[in-house]
């Protein structure tokens, strides 16, 4: 699996088991930053490391997702609102 990007793996996005999936928004080193998604604001607390369940879905996926925040991030909603497919996601200062 060396050199294979997660976006090119033959798995549905639901395999990730995330509450929210983003495309095109880098999460690396975003701890403490606030992300606007649709009408919501989310404060990022840290990196979500992938677990053994990724390897159950596809052997080697856990290691592939281990570096560079590829497993995602976790945080708290600081401003509630609606999010729709296609809503922009952007960082705020």
Protein backbone atom coordinates (compact mmCIF):
# COMPACT_ATOMS: atom_id res chain seq x y z
CA UNK A 1 0.00 0.00 0.00
CA UNK A 2 3.05 2.22 -0.06
CA UNK A 3 2.28 5.41 -1.98
CA UNK A 4 -1.49 4.79 -2.16
CA UNK A 5 -3.58 7.78 -1.14
CA UNK A 6 -6.66 7.07 1.05
CA UNK A 7 -8.92 8.81 -1.48
CA UNK A 8 -7.98 6.16 -4.04
CA UNK A 9 -8.75 3.13 -1.92
CA UNK A 10 -11.70 0.91 -2.93
CA UNK A 11 -13.74 1.69 0.20
CA UNK A 12 -16.85 3.78 0.78
CA UNK A 13 -16.38 7.00 2.77
CA UNK A 14 -18.53 5.53 5.56
CA UNK A 15 -15.67 3.13 6.38
CA UNK A 16 -13.93 6.07 8.05
CA UNK A 17 -16.69 6.15 10.71
CA UNK A 18 -16.36 9.93 11.03
CA UNK A 19 -19.14 12.28 12.06
CA UNK A 20 -18.21 14.68 9.28
CA UNK A 21 -16.07 14.17 6.17
CA UNK A 22 -14.32 17.10 4.48
CA UNK A 23 -12.54 17.27 1.17
CA UNK A 24 -9.89 19.85 0.33
CA UNK A 25 -9.46 21.21 3.86
CA UNK A 26 -6.10 20.42 5.44
CA UNK A 27 -6.29 19.50 9.11
CA UNK A 28 -2.59 18.99 9.83
CA UNK A 29 -1.42 20.97 12.86
CA UNK A 30 -4.81 22.66 13.28
CA UNK A 31 -5.01 22.19 17.08
CA UNK A 32 -6.64 25.25 18.64
CA UNK A 33 -7.90 26.68 15.33
CA UNK A 34 -11.55 27.31 14.50
CA UNK A 35 -13.08 25.89 11.35
CA UNK A 36 -16.22 27.39 9.81
CA UNK A 37 -18.36 24.73 8.14
CA UNK A 38 -21.61 26.02 6.71
CA UNK A 39 -23.20 27.95 9.61
CA UNK A 40 -21.16 26.14 12.30
CA UNK A 41 -17.88 26.87 14.01
CA UNK A 42 -15.79 23.97 15.32
CA UNK A 43 -12.73 24.39 17.57
CA UNK A 44 -10.20 21.68 16.77
CA UNK A 45 -8.74 20.03 19.87
CA UNK A 46 -6.40 17.54 18.26
CA UNK A 47 -5.63 14.73 15.89
CA UNK A 48 -7.80 11.62 15.72
CA UNK A 49 -5.47 8.65 15.29
CA UNK A 50 -6.86 5.71 13.32
CA UNK A 51 -7.60 2.50 15.21
CA UNK A 52 -7.53 -1.24 14.52
CA UNK A 53 -10.92 -0.98 12.80
CA UNK A 54 -9.25 0.65 9.81
CA UNK A 55 -7.14 -2.50 9.36
CA UNK A 56 -10.27 -4.63 9.65
CA UNK A 57 -11.71 -2.68 6.71
CA UNK A 58 -8.49 -2.93 4.69
CA UNK A 59 -5.20 -4.39 5.98
CA UNK A 60 -2.56 -1.65 6.23
CA UNK A 61 -5.04 1.24 6.23
CA UNK A 62 -4.30 2.16 9.87
CA UNK A 63 -0.60 2.69 9.10
CA UNK A 64 -1.44 4.58 5.92
CA UNK A 65 -3.65 6.99 7.89
CA UNK A 66 -1.28 7.36 10.86
CA UNK A 67 0.88 10.27 9.66
CA UNK A 68 -0.03 13.87 8.93
CA UNK A 69 -3.48 13.92 10.58
CA UNK A 70 -4.80 11.60 7.84
CA UNK A 71 -7.05 10.02 10.48
CA UNK A 72 -8.80 13.35 10.95
CA UNK A 73 -9.35 15.65 13.89
CA UNK A 74 -11.65 16.00 16.87
CA UNK A 75 -13.10 19.11 18.42
CA UNK A 76 -16.16 20.81 19.82
CA UNK A 77 -18.94 22.76 18.21
CA UNK A 78 -18.67 26.34 19.48
CA UNK A 79 -21.46 27.72 17.29
CA UNK A 80 -24.32 25.49 16.18
CA UNK A 81 -26.00 25.70 12.80
CA UNK A 82 -26.92 23.77 9.68
CA UNK A 83 -24.37 22.03 7.49
CA UNK A 84 -25.28 20.87 3.99
CA UNK A 85 -23.36 18.84 1.45
CA UNK A 86 -21.20 21.23 -0.53
CA UNK A 87 -21.02 23.92 2.16
CA UNK A 88 -17.62 25.61 2.27
CA UNK A 89 -15.18 24.90 5.09
CA UNK A 90 -12.63 27.58 5.93
CA UNK A 91 -10.30 28.49 8.76
CA UNK A 92 -10.72 31.66 10.77
CA UNK A 93 -8.09 33.56 12.74
